[in-house]
Every structure is written in structure tokens, then in C-alpha cells.
Protein backbone atom coordinates (compact mmCIF):
# COMPACT_ATOMS: atom_id res chain seq x y z
CA MET A 1 0.00 -0.08 -0.01
CA GLY A 2 2.84 2.32 0.97
CA CYS A 3 3.48 5.87 -0.12
CA VAL A 4 2.39 6.90 -3.67
CA ASP A 5 2.83 10.00 -5.63
CA ARG A 6 -0.39 10.71 -7.21
CA THR A 7 -3.20 11.80 -4.80
CA GLY A 8 -6.83 11.12 -5.22
CA SER A 9 -9.78 9.28 -4.05
CA ASP A 10 -9.11 7.11 -1.14
CA LEU A 11 -5.17 7.45 -1.45
CA PRO A 12 -2.66 8.19 1.26
CA SER A 13 -2.07 11.84 1.63
CA CYS A 14 1.50 11.78 0.51
CA GLY A 15 3.54 14.07 -1.88
CA PRO A 16 6.79 13.34 -3.45
CA CYS A 17 9.57 12.85 -0.90
CA GLY A 18 13.20 11.90 -0.82
CA THR A 19 16.06 12.34 1.71
CA ILE A 20 14.94 14.38 4.71
CA ASP A 21 16.69 17.68 4.92
CA GLU A 22 15.88 19.33 8.28
CA ASN A 23 16.95 22.75 6.82
CA ILE A 24 14.38 22.54 4.00
CA PRO A 25 10.73 22.99 5.17
CA MET A 26 8.41 20.33 3.79
CA SER A 27 5.41 21.57 1.71
CA GLY A 28 2.05 19.84 2.11
CA PRO A 29 1.34 16.83 4.35
CA PRO A 30 4.33 14.85 5.78
CA CYS A 31 5.40 11.60 4.07
CA PHE A 32 4.87 8.41 5.84
CA PRO A 33 7.94 7.19 7.65
CA ASP A 34 7.95 3.94 5.73
CA ILE A 35 9.91 2.71 2.85
CA ALA A 36 8.28 3.48 -0.52
CA LEU A 37 6.35 0.40 -1.67
CA PRO A 38 8.57 -1.59 -4.13
CA LEU A 39 7.54 -3.83 -6.97
CA VAL A 40 9.96 -6.78 -6.94
CA GLY A 41 10.46 -9.32 -9.65
CA ASN A 42 12.58 -12.43 -8.40
CA GLU A 43 15.60 -10.39 -6.92
CA THR A 44 15.18 -7.26 -8.74
CA VAL A 45 13.46 -4.01 -7.66
CA LEU A 46 11.46 -3.08 -10.72
CA GLU A 47 9.78 0.04 -9.41
CA GLN A 48 10.04 1.90 -6.18
CA PRO A 49 7.39 3.25 -5.41
CA THR A 50 5.14 0.87 -7.42
CA ASP A 51 3.05 2.53 -9.93
CA LEU A 52 -0.35 1.25 -8.74
CA TYR A 53 -2.03 2.59 -11.79
CA SER A 54 -0.37 0.24 -14.14
CA LEU A 55 -0.23 -2.94 -11.89
CA SER A 56 -3.18 -4.52 -13.53
CA GLU A 57 -1.46 -4.56 -16.84
CA LYS A 58 1.51 -6.16 -15.22
CA TYR A 59 -0.48 -8.88 -13.60
CA VAL A 60 -2.02 -9.67 -16.90
CA GLU A 61 1.32 -9.62 -18.71
CA HIS A 62 3.21 -11.90 -16.16
CA ALA A 63 0.22 -14.38 -15.89
CA THR A 64 -0.20 -14.65 -19.68
CA GLU A 65 3.60 -15.38 -20.07
CA ILE A 66 3.56 -18.16 -17.50
CA ILE A 67 0.29 -19.71 -19.10
CA THR A 68 1.64 -19.59 -22.68
CA LYS A 69 5.14 -20.75 -21.99
CA SER A 70 4.36 -23.60 -19.69
CA SER A 71 4.80 -27.02 -21.50
CA LYS A 72 4.02 -28.96 -18.26
CA PRO A 73 1.40 -28.64 -15.63
CA TYR A 74 1.64 -25.42 -13.67
CA PHE A 75 0.31 -23.61 -10.68
CA LEU A 76 -0.38 -20.01 -10.93
CA TYR A 77 -1.32 -18.04 -7.81
CA MET A 78 -2.65 -14.39 -8.41
CA ALA A 79 -3.11 -12.42 -5.25
CA LEU A 80 -4.73 -9.35 -6.78
CA SER A 81 -4.66 -5.93 -5.04
CA GLN A 82 -8.21 -5.04 -6.22
CA PRO A 83 -10.43 -4.09 -4.75
CA HIS A 84 -8.55 -3.39 -1.64
CA THR A 85 -7.52 0.28 -0.82
CA PRO A 86 -5.93 2.36 -2.09
CA LEU A 87 -8.31 2.29 -5.10
CA THR A 88 -6.26 2.95 -8.16
CA PRO A 89 -8.06 2.13 -11.52
CA SER A 90 -6.06 2.54 -14.65
CA LYS A 91 -7.24 5.33 -17.11
CA LYS A 92 -8.92 2.51 -19.13
CA PHE A 93 -11.60 1.94 -16.27
CA GLU A 94 -11.54 5.33 -14.52
CA GLY A 95 -14.82 6.74 -14.25
CA LYS A 96 -16.48 3.83 -16.17
CA SER A 97 -18.72 2.63 -13.30
CA GLU A 98 -21.90 4.19 -11.95
CA ARG A 99 -20.71 2.81 -8.52
CA GLY A 100 -17.83 5.08 -8.56
CA ILE A 101 -14.23 4.49 -8.16
CA TYR A 102 -14.97 1.12 -6.27
CA GLY A 103 -17.12 0.09 -9.30
CA ASP A 104 -14.17 1.02 -11.70
CA VAL A 105 -11.91 -1.24 -9.73
CA LEU A 106 -14.26 -4.03 -9.85
CA LEU A 107 -14.52 -3.51 -13.76
CA GLU A 108 -10.75 -3.70 -13.89
CA MET A 109 -10.64 -6.89 -11.56
CA ASP A 110 -13.21 -8.61 -13.97
CA TRP A 111 -11.00 -7.60 -16.95
CA ILE A 112 -7.94 -9.20 -15.24
CA VAL A 113 -9.90 -12.46 -14.61
CA GLY A 114 -11.05 -12.32 -18.25
CA GLN A 115 -7.62 -11.91 -19.68
CA VAL A 116 -6.37 -14.75 -17.65
CA THR A 117 -9.20 -17.04 -18.66
CA ALA A 118 -8.65 -16.19 -22.30
CA ALA A 119 -5.06 -16.92 -22.12
CA VAL A 120 -5.93 -20.37 -20.63
CA LYS A 121 -8.46 -21.15 -23.45
CA LYS A 122 -6.04 -19.96 -26.08
CA SER A 123 -3.35 -22.33 -24.75
CA ASN A 124 -5.54 -25.19 -25.71
CA ASN A 125 -5.27 -26.75 -22.32
CA SER A 126 -8.82 -27.46 -21.61
CA ASN A 127 -7.96 -29.53 -18.39
CA THR A 128 -7.26 -26.25 -16.37
CA LEU A 129 -8.96 -25.61 -13.00
CA ILE A 130 -9.45 -21.88 -12.37
CA TRP A 131 -10.48 -21.08 -8.70
CA PHE A 132 -11.48 -17.42 -7.82
CA MET A 133 -12.23 -16.43 -4.24
CA SER A 134 -11.44 -13.46 -1.73
CA ASP A 135 -9.72 -13.56 1.44
CA ASN A 136 -12.39 -11.59 3.73
CA GLY A 137 -15.42 -9.59 3.64
CA PRO A 138 -15.67 -5.75 2.89
CA TRP A 139 -13.83 -3.13 4.81
CA ALA A 140 -16.76 -1.18 6.31
CA SER A 141 -14.75 1.59 7.81
CA LYS A 142 -13.92 2.56 4.23
CA CYS A 143 -17.57 3.28 3.66
CA LEU A 144 -18.30 3.25 -0.26
CA PHE A 145 -14.58 2.48 -0.93
CA GLY A 146 -14.95 -0.84 0.99
CA GLY A 147 -17.69 -2.80 -0.73
CA SER A 148 -20.87 -4.43 0.45
CA VAL A 149 -21.77 -7.04 2.95
CA GLY A 150 -24.86 -7.99 1.05
CA PRO A 151 -27.43 -10.21 2.88
CA PHE A 152 -24.98 -10.88 5.74
CA ILE A 153 -25.94 -7.87 7.78
CA GLY A 154 -25.22 -9.26 11.26
CA SER A 155 -28.51 -7.87 12.65
CA TRP A 156 -27.76 -8.86 16.23
CA GLN A 157 -24.71 -6.49 16.36
CA SER A 158 -26.56 -3.66 14.82
CA ASN A 159 -29.85 -3.99 16.86
CA VAL A 160 -28.50 -5.48 20.20
CA GLY A 161 -24.74 -4.99 20.27
CA GLY A 162 -24.49 -1.29 19.90
CA GLY A 163 -23.71 -1.18 16.25
CA GLY A 164 -20.22 -1.12 14.81
CA SER A 165 -18.85 -3.23 11.68
CA VAL A 166 -20.29 -6.55 10.89
CA ALA A 167 -17.71 -6.94 8.03
CA LYS A 168 -13.89 -7.43 7.78
CA GLY A 169 -12.14 -7.86 11.12
CA THR A 170 -15.35 -9.32 12.88
CA VAL A 171 -16.61 -12.85 13.29
CA TRP A 172 -19.88 -12.10 11.69
CA GLU A 173 -20.82 -13.66 8.39
CA GLY A 174 -20.13 -10.44 6.61
CA GLY A 175 -16.55 -10.72 7.61
CA HIS A 176 -16.07 -14.33 6.58
CA ARG A 177 -18.48 -15.32 3.81
CA VAL A 178 -16.59 -14.71 0.52
CA PRO A 179 -17.07 -15.71 -3.07
CA SER A 180 -15.76 -18.99 -4.21
CA ILE A 181 -16.09 -19.93 -7.81
CA VAL A 182 -14.62 -23.11 -9.47
CA TYR A 183 -14.37 -23.24 -13.26
CA TRP A 184 -13.28 -26.65 -14.72
CA PRO A 185 -14.90 -27.54 -17.80
CA GLY A 186 -15.71 -31.23 -18.14
CA VAL A 187 -15.57 -31.61 -14.45
CA VAL A 188 -17.69 -29.03 -12.64
CA GLU A 189 -21.16 -28.64 -13.96
CA ALA A 190 -21.80 -25.24 -15.48
CA GLY A 191 -24.10 -23.15 -13.32
CA SER A 192 -24.13 -25.49 -10.33
CA THR A 193 -24.17 -24.37 -6.76
CA SER A 194 -22.97 -26.08 -3.68
CA HIS A 195 -23.96 -24.81 -0.10
CA GLU A 196 -21.34 -26.90 1.74
CA LEU A 197 -19.23 -25.49 4.27
CA THR A 198 -15.73 -24.84 2.85
CA SER A 199 -12.72 -22.81 3.56
CA SER A 200 -9.71 -21.34 1.90
CA LEU A 201 -7.82 -23.76 4.02
CA ASP A 202 -9.02 -26.53 1.93
CA ILE A 203 -7.17 -25.19 -1.23
CA LEU A 204 -3.68 -26.92 -0.22
CA PRO A 205 -5.15 -30.54 0.31
CA THR A 206 -7.64 -30.25 -2.49
CA LEU A 207 -5.14 -29.29 -5.04
CA ALA A 208 -2.57 -31.86 -3.75
CA ASN A 209 -5.13 -34.52 -4.21
CA ILE A 210 -6.06 -33.41 -7.72
CA GLY A 211 -2.30 -33.26 -8.82
CA ARG A 212 -1.71 -36.49 -7.13
CA ILE A 213 1.03 -34.72 -4.98
CA ASN A 214 1.97 -36.44 -1.67
CA TYR A 215 2.94 -34.01 1.00
CA THR A 216 3.87 -34.47 4.62
CA SER A 217 3.93 -31.99 7.38
CA LYS A 218 4.78 -32.01 11.03
CA ARG A 219 1.94 -29.53 11.29
CA THR A 220 -1.64 -30.55 11.52
CA ILE A 221 -3.33 -29.34 8.31
CA ASP A 222 -6.65 -27.72 9.17
CA GLY A 223 -8.12 -28.02 5.61
CA ILE A 224 -9.76 -30.95 4.01
CA ASP A 225 -9.85 -32.35 0.44
CA ILE A 226 -13.14 -31.00 -0.93
CA SER A 227 -12.55 -32.13 -4.61
CA HIS A 228 -15.66 -34.38 -4.30
CA ILE A 229 -17.76 -31.36 -3.99
CA PHE A 230 -16.79 -30.46 -7.60
CA TYR A 231 -18.56 -33.66 -8.64
CA GLY A 232 -21.69 -32.83 -6.57
CA GLY A 233 -20.44 -34.41 -3.39
CA GLU A 234 -20.87 -33.31 0.35
CA VAL A 235 -18.68 -32.69 3.44
CA PRO A 236 -19.22 -34.22 6.88
CA GLU A 237 -22.35 -32.62 8.69
CA ASP A 238 -20.39 -31.73 11.68
CA ARG A 239 -17.51 -29.95 9.78
CA VAL A 240 -16.02 -27.30 12.09
CA LEU A 241 -14.46 -24.09 11.42
CA PHE A 242 -12.89 -21.71 13.95
CA HIS A 243 -13.12 -17.86 13.16
CA PRO A 244 -10.23 -16.19 14.92
CA ASN A 245 -10.04 -12.44 15.95
CA SER A 246 -8.27 -10.31 13.24
CA GLY A 247 -8.42 -6.86 14.76
CA ALA A 248 -11.72 -6.71 16.65
CA PHE A 249 -12.47 -6.82 20.31
CA GLY A 250 -10.68 -9.53 22.11
CA ASN A 251 -6.98 -10.81 22.05
CA TYR A 252 -5.60 -11.14 18.52
CA GLY A 253 -5.92 -14.63 17.30
CA ASP A 254 -8.47 -15.89 19.97
CA VAL A 255 -11.42 -17.81 18.47
CA GLY A 256 -14.34 -15.42 18.52
CA ALA A 257 -16.78 -17.86 16.66
CA VAL A 258 -17.09 -21.44 15.71
CA ARG A 259 -19.02 -22.76 12.73
CA MET A 260 -20.46 -26.35 12.85
CA GLY A 261 -22.59 -27.24 9.86
CA LYS A 262 -25.46 -24.95 9.90
CA TYR A 263 -24.81 -23.58 13.32
CA LYS A 264 -22.64 -20.86 14.59
CA ALA A 265 -21.58 -19.93 18.02
CA VAL A 266 -20.31 -16.35 18.75
CA PHE A 267 -18.17 -15.99 21.77
CA TYR A 268 -17.46 -12.27 21.67
CA SER A 269 -18.82 -9.17 19.50
CA GLY A 270 -18.02 -5.48 18.85
CA GLY A 271 -14.77 -3.71 18.67
CA TYR A 272 -14.43 -2.82 14.91
CA PRO A 273 -15.39 0.38 13.38
CA ASP A 274 -18.05 1.01 10.83
CA CYS A 275 -18.33 3.81 8.24
CA GLN A 276 -19.22 6.31 10.98
CA GLY A 277 -16.36 5.12 13.39
CA ASN A 278 -18.66 3.43 15.71
CA LEU A 279 -17.25 0.34 17.38
CA GLY A 280 -20.21 -1.33 18.96
CA GLN A 281 -20.23 -2.74 22.59
CA ASN A 282 -17.35 -4.98 23.53
CA GLN A 283 -19.01 -8.07 24.99
CA PHE A 284 -18.06 -11.71 25.93
CA HIS A 285 -20.90 -14.14 25.72
CA ASN A 286 -21.20 -16.91 28.05
CA PRO A 287 -22.88 -19.07 27.02
CA PRO A 288 -21.98 -18.04 23.33
CA LEU A 289 -24.67 -16.76 21.00
CA LEU A 290 -25.93 -19.55 18.67
CA PHE A 291 -27.39 -18.97 15.43
CA ASN A 292 -28.92 -21.26 12.72
CA LEU A 293 -27.53 -19.84 9.54
CA GLU A 294 -29.80 -21.90 7.37
CA GLU A 295 -32.84 -20.08 8.74
CA ASP A 296 -31.19 -17.00 9.96
CA ILE A 297 -28.47 -15.64 7.60
CA GLU A 298 -28.77 -12.16 8.87
CA GLU A 299 -27.72 -13.39 12.39
CA LYS A 300 -30.71 -11.74 13.96
CA LEU A 301 -32.05 -14.07 16.74
CA PRO A 302 -29.85 -16.23 18.85
CA LEU A 303 -31.36 -19.68 19.46
CA ASN A 304 -32.56 -20.65 23.08
CA THR A 305 -29.88 -23.16 24.30
CA ASN A 306 -31.15 -23.21 27.96
CA ASN A 307 -32.37 -26.82 27.35
CA GLY A 308 -29.47 -28.91 27.04
CA LYS A 309 -31.54 -31.70 25.52
CA SER A 310 -33.01 -29.50 22.60
CA GLU A 311 -31.43 -29.63 19.28
CA ALA A 312 -29.92 -26.20 19.83
CA GLY A 313 -28.66 -27.13 23.31
CA LYS A 314 -27.07 -30.39 21.97
CA ALA A 315 -25.36 -28.40 19.18
CA LEU A 316 -23.97 -25.93 21.47
CA LYS A 317 -22.69 -28.55 23.73
CA LYS A 318 -20.94 -30.29 20.81
CA ILE A 319 -19.43 -26.99 19.76
CA LEU A 320 -18.06 -26.17 23.09
CA LYS A 321 -16.16 -29.64 23.12
CA TYR A 322 -14.62 -28.92 19.79
CA TYR A 323 -13.73 -25.40 21.14
CA ALA A 324 -12.05 -26.87 24.20
CA HIS A 325 -10.22 -29.54 22.16
CA PHE A 326 -8.88 -26.80 19.70
CA TYR A 327 -7.10 -25.04 22.62
CA GLU A 328 -5.93 -28.26 23.94
CA LYS A 329 -4.25 -29.17 20.59
CA LEU A 330 -2.87 -25.74 20.27
CA GLN A 331 -0.91 -26.03 23.55
CA GLU A 332 0.78 -29.30 22.19
CA GLY A 333 2.98 -27.37 19.84
CA GLY A 334 2.91 -25.59 16.40
CA ILE A 335 2.39 -22.10 17.91
CA SER A 336 4.18 -19.65 15.88
CA ASN A 337 7.35 -17.90 17.37
CA THR A 338 7.50 -15.33 14.48
CA THR A 339 8.59 -11.96 15.64
CA TYR A 340 7.88 -8.65 13.64
CA GLU A 341 10.99 -6.78 14.64
CA VAL A 342 12.49 -4.62 11.70
CA ASP A 343 15.97 -5.03 10.27
CA TRP A 344 16.36 -2.10 7.82
CA SER A 345 19.54 -3.75 6.38
CA LEU A 346 17.25 -6.14 4.72
CA ARG A 347 14.67 -3.66 3.20
CA PRO A 348 14.20 -3.87 -0.63
CA CYS A 349 15.69 -0.67 -1.87
CA CYS A 350 16.85 0.49 -5.26
CA ASN A 351 18.66 3.63 -3.88
CA PRO A 352 20.42 3.01 -0.52
CA ASN A 353 21.44 6.71 -0.35
CA ASP A 354 17.74 7.69 -0.32
CA GLU A 355 16.07 7.17 3.04
CA PHE A 356 12.73 6.55 1.49
CA CYS A 357 14.42 4.39 -1.55
CA ARG A 358 12.74 6.18 -4.46
CA CYS A 359 14.18 5.30 -7.88
CA ASP A 360 11.93 6.89 -10.65
CA ASN A 361 11.21 3.15 -11.88
CA HIS A 362 14.69 2.49 -12.84
CA TRP A 363 15.64 -1.21 -12.92
CA LYS A 364 18.37 -1.91 -10.29
CA GLU A 365 19.49 -5.09 -8.58
CA LEU A 366 18.86 -5.27 -4.77
């Protein structure tokens, strides 16, 4: 995201900047004290700062080259910057959507996907799986620049929990439900829909199985092979997914909700800003709120779980067992010991004499 030169809608307020000279007063807003965002190809800094407005063309050019030159089966992973902020549509799409700049970015993203799909078809390799998905729900605090939660409006949070976001950063469905579209001619029936409970965690074991790749790991793999869903199959009824806190109320990484089949238990709520900056009420729920998402996709009315022999009571009891087991397994090992300390000697920089490493798009080795 970094510091960019061109100001505009939903961009960092940052003008051109170089080595700081205390004797020269800065005009306009101060620059971010971070390194200018580089675009790196293998071990070469291609641009610094990255020209965000031409990035889509580079995505397509690089992907097409891999597709057309691959004589063997290949794996291509494209993590698009669209539609995350800052919103930087190229001139080809700027002002083209009635939805404004966010709509322009969506049009450009659609164009990227279309170009990649066209390259696959042109390569005459009909046995190619294309899997499209997103990483999280919309960023509500960005207002019109953050997208929409659609029908996943988290009514309980809005009506009872004091408001606040129900999208990215929260454990509500608007934060976790994302598009997942699989295109595989001859395998996946065109126009078919599955309502099975799946996760991006399933990508690794699914593709490994399809590619007949044997992999071993000392770590427990959380995902499962869901390739049978492509053929119309189902996942186990009591499949469980854990929704960790990713910035809202509670400790970072703590499980804030557990999904089991059609049921979802919410352990805490609140703590993430909506468009108006409202955080909602920070609340721990004991017992957790339990929703039936098949009947209540808006997460409006928690089920009565006081009767432990009712269907809802039994479901919650089962979820709590999974919840306790999860933390037991977590203590057995595999906890990340990654630190986020900064070593400036390792920063990608095309001009080490420039504190902010700006190189006017010159190609230079690291």
C-alpha cells in the first residue's frame, strides 16, 4: 500500500519525498515514515514506489507469459490488489462505473480475470482448473470504498450489540463469507451451486489430491480435500471451522466464533469500526450466542440453548467440546514464534542513499 505520488480518491495523503533535509521545510502533508512500496521481480526492484495505476497490466502480462510458456502442468497463484484500498483504477477503467471508483476497480478486476481465462483457453489446455475467491469481507470503515456485505448484515450486532462493523475484522458472516467460484470444464457442471461449508484452508489438500502430490507435514493441516464437491458431493455434517479475531475486540488470534454445519456460536462481539467510526459494545458471551444460519442468515435471533436436550442445546454442547479440544491441541505445539522486528538492512531498496528508497522506476538489482 505504501506511499504513492499521485493523490486522489482514497489514497494516502503523501506527496513526492526523498532524503529528509531538516533545513528545508516540507510543503504539504508529511510523508509516511515507511519505505516506498517496491515492486519486486525475483531479486530485482522493478519500481519503487510501485506504479499502482499500471499494476493490472503487469498482472496480466506476467500471468499470460506463464500460461503460454508452460509446457508442463503449472500452478499460478494471483493475489490481486483489487478491490483493496488504495483504489487505483487505470485510465482505461477510471470513471466507467456508476458505482464510482470502487465500481471502476471491480470492472478492472473482472477484466484481469477475463484476460487470464482467455489466455488459458488460447493455450488449448482444456484441463485447467480456475479457482476464484476472496480473502475476507468488505472493509466497512472505508464506507463506499469498501464494498458491501450483501445479505450478511449481522443484525444482532446492529440492533442489540450497539452497532459497529459486521464486515472485515469481525466474526460475523459479513467478515468471513466470500465468493468461491470454481471453473473446470468437463468436471464441474456449469451453473451448479454448492452450499457446503468450505474454507480457503481447503485449497492446499484439494489441489494436492487433484495433482496426485504426496506431501507430509509436521503440522496438522486444518483444511480438507473438497474435490468431491466439484462432482456434487458433500462434506461431513459436523465439519467445524474456527473464526479467529483479526483486529476486533478480544485478544488477537483468539477464537471469536465457531461454525459447525448450519450452526454458528459467537463468543464475543463488537470492537471494529463501521463507516461512521462506531465500534459497538465489546461483549463476551457466556454462553455464546448460537445462530442457525440456514434459517437466519442475517444473524438476527440467537437460539435458546437453555435446554441442553433440545437440538440447539445439543449443538452448542458439541461446539463447546470442539472449542475446548482446539485449545488443547494448540498447547501441544505448532504455535508460531515469529517476531515482527524490523531489520532495515534487509529492506528492498533500489537507492540505498535515499532514506525512502525512491528510484523513478529504474531497474536496479537489490
